[in-house]
Amino acid sequence: MTNDNNRTVWSSNQGDLRRKEAAKQKVNSLPPHQQTVYLHRDSKGRGGKAVTLVKRLVLSEEDMKELATKLKQVCGSGGTVKDGMIEIQGEHREKIAEALKKMGYKVKIAGG
């Protein structure tokens, strides 16, 4: 049996450099007519409350936040940008689909 108490652990004063490198990478936004957006409904881990997920957007962080703000205003509800997706509180797939189509996106409604 090995002695696990003597494992070598490495750390640095600069923290986790992998996260800093990922944050530096900039994503160039594609025009709306070149993107297909998928709308999902999800309630896992949210106490049974539904949220609408807007997935597969190729947008910069600033553009993603701007689009999220517009969609929240259309739906009249809260939301956030998390892990490259937009989460809108509540079941609003039809409203969001109409708004995105007006902006020029191709929209597919997925999930139950």
C-alpha atoms as a PDB file:
ATOM      1  CA  MET A   1       0.000   0.000   0.000  1.00  0.00           C
ATOM      2  CA  THR A   2       1.308   3.466  -0.878  1.00  0.00           C
ATOM      3  CA  ASN A   3       1.677   6.293   1.563  1.00  0.00           C
ATOM      4  CA  ASP A   4      -0.746   9.002   0.312  1.00  0.00           C
ATOM      5  CA  ASN A   5       0.240  11.441   3.020  1.00  0.00           C
ATOM      6  CA  ASN A   6       3.480  12.335   1.196  1.00  0.00           C
ATOM      7  CA  ARG A   7       2.009  13.391  -2.165  1.00  0.00           C
ATOM      8  CA  THR A   8       3.695  16.321  -3.855  1.00  0.00           C
ATOM      9  CA  VAL A   9       1.373  19.264  -4.400  1.00  0.00           C
ATOM     10  CA  TRP A  10       2.272  22.154  -6.672  1.00  0.00           C
ATOM     11  CA  SER A  11       0.895  25.655  -6.488  1.00  0.00           C
ATOM     12  CA  SER A  12       1.875  29.081  -7.726  1.00  0.00           C
ATOM     13  CA  ASN A  13       1.429  32.647  -6.626  1.00  0.00           C
ATOM     14  CA  GLN A  14      -0.397  33.432  -9.863  1.00  0.00           C
ATOM     15  CA  GLY A  15      -3.354  31.068  -9.373  1.00  0.00           C
ATOM     16  CA  ASP A  16      -4.830  28.804 -12.025  1.00  0.00           C
ATOM     17  CA  LEU A  17      -3.263  29.983 -15.278  1.00  0.00           C
ATOM     18  CA  ARG A  18      -5.571  27.813 -17.401  1.00  0.00           C
ATOM     19  CA  ARG A  19      -8.590  29.945 -16.520  1.00  0.00           C
ATOM     20  CA  LYS A  20      -6.765  33.159 -17.286  1.00  0.00           C
ATOM     21  CA  GLU A  21      -5.750  31.842 -20.718  1.00  0.00           C
ATOM     22  CA  ALA A  22      -9.330  30.802 -21.475  1.00  0.00           C
ATOM     23  CA  ALA A  23     -10.570  34.258 -20.511  1.00  0.00           C
ATOM     24  CA  LYS A  24      -8.078  35.908 -22.878  1.00  0.00           C
ATOM     25  CA  GLN A  25      -9.397  34.050 -25.912  1.00  0.00           C
ATOM     26  CA  LYS A  26     -11.792  36.314 -27.763  1.00  0.00           C
ATOM     27  CA  VAL A  27     -14.685  34.956 -29.753  1.00  0.00           C
ATOM     28  CA  ASN A  28     -15.672  36.861 -32.857  1.00  0.00           C
ATOM     29  CA  SER A  29     -19.421  37.152 -33.273  1.00  0.00           C
ATOM     30  CA  LEU A  30     -21.001  35.625 -36.345  1.00  0.00           C
ATOM     31  CA  PRO A  31     -23.791  37.530 -38.092  1.00  0.00           C
ATOM     32  CA  PRO A  32     -27.308  36.325 -37.174  1.00  0.00           C
ATOM     33  CA  HIS A  33     -28.107  34.896 -40.631  1.00  0.00           C
ATOM     34  CA  GLN A  34     -25.131  32.486 -40.280  1.00  0.00           C
ATOM     35  CA  GLN A  35     -26.267  31.013 -36.948  1.00  0.00           C
ATOM     36  CA  THR A  36     -28.812  28.415 -35.910  1.00  0.00           C
ATOM     37  CA  VAL A  37     -29.983  28.893 -32.334  1.00  0.00           C
ATOM     38  CA  TYR A  38     -31.463  26.043 -30.285  1.00  0.00           C
ATOM     39  CA  LEU A  39     -34.070  26.756 -27.606  1.00  0.00           C
ATOM     40  CA  HIS A  40     -34.371  24.236 -24.776  1.00  0.00           C
ATOM     41  CA  ARG A  41     -36.587  24.016 -21.718  1.00  0.00           C
ATOM     42  CA  ASP A  42     -34.895  22.850 -18.524  1.00  0.00           C
ATOM     43  CA  SER A  43     -35.866  22.520 -14.876  1.00  0.00           C
ATOM     44  CA  LYS A  44     -33.155  20.279 -13.436  1.00  0.00           C
ATOM     45  CA  GLY A  45     -31.527  21.622 -10.305  1.00  0.00           C
ATOM     46  CA  ARG A  46     -33.949  24.549 -10.109  1.00  0.00           C
ATOM     47  CA  GLY A  47     -36.583  23.247  -7.720  1.00  0.00           C
ATOM     48  CA  GLY A  48     -38.915  22.261 -10.568  1.00  0.00           C
ATOM     49  CA  LYS A  49     -39.031  25.780 -12.011  1.00  0.00           C
ATOM     50  CA  ALA A  50     -38.607  25.981 -15.768  1.00  0.00           C
ATOM     51  CA  VAL A  51     -36.000  28.053 -17.573  1.00  0.00           C
ATOM     52  CA  THR A  52     -35.521  28.563 -21.286  1.00  0.00           C
ATOM     53  CA  LEU A  53     -31.975  27.948 -22.535  1.00  0.00           C
ATOM     54  CA  VAL A  54     -30.681  29.650 -25.672  1.00  0.00           C
ATOM     55  CA  LYS A  55     -27.816  27.467 -26.912  1.00  0.00           C
ATOM     56  CA  ARG A  56     -25.197  27.329 -29.680  1.00  0.00           C
ATOM     57  CA  LEU A  57     -24.694  31.046 -30.076  1.00  0.00           C
ATOM     58  CA  VAL A  58     -21.358  32.173 -31.512  1.00  0.00           C
ATOM     59  CA  LEU A  59     -21.148  35.611 -29.948  1.00  0.00           C
ATOM     60  CA  SER A  60     -18.583  37.591 -28.021  1.00  0.00           C
ATOM     61  CA  GLU A  61     -19.222  37.995 -24.313  1.00  0.00           C
ATOM     62  CA  GLU A  62     -20.429  41.576 -24.777  1.00  0.00           C
ATOM     63  CA  ASP A  63     -22.808  40.645 -27.611  1.00  0.00           C
ATOM     64  CA  MET A  64     -24.111  37.695 -25.588  1.00  0.00           C
ATOM     65  CA  LYS A  65     -24.945  39.972 -22.645  1.00  0.00           C
ATOM     66  CA  GLU A  66     -26.601  42.489 -24.957  1.00  0.00           C
ATOM     67  CA  LEU A  67     -28.761  39.791 -26.578  1.00  0.00           C
ATOM     68  CA  ALA A  68     -29.667  38.392 -23.156  1.00  0.00           C
ATOM     69  CA  THR A  69     -30.858  41.843 -22.076  1.00  0.00           C
ATOM     70  CA  LYS A  70     -33.057  42.159 -25.178  1.00  0.00           C
ATOM     71  CA  LEU A  71     -34.549  38.694 -24.652  1.00  0.00           C
ATOM     72  CA  LYS A  72     -35.255  39.385 -20.973  1.00  0.00           C
ATOM     73  CA  GLN A  73     -37.110  42.546 -21.978  1.00  0.00           C
ATOM     74  CA  VAL A  74     -39.145  40.659 -24.593  1.00  0.00           C
ATOM     75  CA  CYS A  75     -40.158  38.032 -22.026  1.00  0.00           C
ATOM     76  CA  GLY A  76     -40.526  40.384 -19.077  1.00  0.00           C
ATOM     77  CA  SER A  77     -38.498  38.093 -16.837  1.00  0.00           C
ATOM     78  CA  GLY A  78     -35.047  37.638 -15.393  1.00  0.00           C
ATOM     79  CA  GLY A  79     -32.156  35.666 -16.723  1.00  0.00           C
ATOM     80  CA  THR A  80     -28.405  35.348 -17.016  1.00  0.00           C
ATOM     81  CA  VAL A  81     -25.528  34.359 -19.280  1.00  0.00           C
ATOM     82  CA  LYS A  82     -23.848  31.202 -18.031  1.00  0.00           C
ATOM     83  CA  ASP A  83     -21.388  28.787 -19.701  1.00  0.00           C
ATOM     84  CA  GLY A  84     -21.914  30.247 -23.174  1.00  0.00           C
ATOM     85  CA  MET A  85     -25.714  29.960 -22.929  1.00  0.00           C
ATOM     86  CA  ILE A  86     -28.456  32.420 -22.141  1.00  0.00           C
ATOM     87  CA  GLU A  87     -30.867  31.328 -19.399  1.00  0.00           C
ATOM     88  CA  ILE A  88     -34.254  33.057 -19.251  1.00  0.00           C
ATOM     89  CA  GLN A  89     -36.496  32.352 -16.264  1.00  0.00           C
ATOM     90  CA  GLY A  90     -39.773  30.696 -17.236  1.00  0.00           C
ATOM     91  CA  GLU A  91     -41.149  28.933 -20.307  1.00  0.00           C
ATOM     92  CA  HIS A  92     -40.719  31.497 -23.107  1.00  0.00           C
ATOM     93  CA  ARG A  93     -39.532  29.485 -26.097  1.00  0.00           C
ATOM     94  CA  GLU A  94     -42.214  30.775 -28.481  1.00  0.00           C
ATOM     95  CA  LYS A  95     -41.652  34.459 -27.589  1.00  0.00           C
ATOM     96  CA  ILE A  96     -37.886  34.078 -27.825  1.00  0.00           C
ATOM     97  CA  ALA A  97     -38.166  32.210 -31.146  1.00  0.00           C
ATOM     98  CA  GLU A  98     -40.206  35.053 -32.658  1.00  0.00           C
ATOM     99  CA  ALA A  99     -37.811  37.715 -31.377  1.00  0.00           C
ATOM    100  CA  LEU A 100     -34.725  35.863 -32.664  1.00  0.00           C
ATOM    101  CA  LYS A 101     -36.324  35.278 -36.084  1.00  0.00           C
ATOM    102  CA  LYS A 102     -36.999  39.018 -36.363  1.00  0.00           C
ATOM    103  CA  MET A 103     -33.312  39.619 -35.616  1.00  0.00           C
ATOM    104  CA  GLY A 104     -32.323  37.260 -38.436  1.00  0.00           C
ATOM    105  CA  TYR A 105     -31.399  34.066 -36.555  1.00  0.00           C
ATOM    106  CA  LYS A 106     -32.461  30.595 -37.627  1.00  0.00           C
ATOM    107  CA  VAL A 107     -34.283  29.028 -34.677  1.00  0.00           C
ATOM    108  CA  LYS A 108     -34.941  25.426 -33.697  1.00  0.00           C
ATOM    109  CA  ILE A 109     -37.060  24.574 -30.675  1.00  0.00           C
ATOM    110  CA  ALA A 110     -35.692  21.488 -28.940  1.00  0.00           C
ATOM    111  CA  GLY A 111     -36.393  19.602 -25.734  1.00  0.00           C
ATOM    112  CA  GLY A 112     -39.620  18.972 -23.861  1.00  0.00           C
END
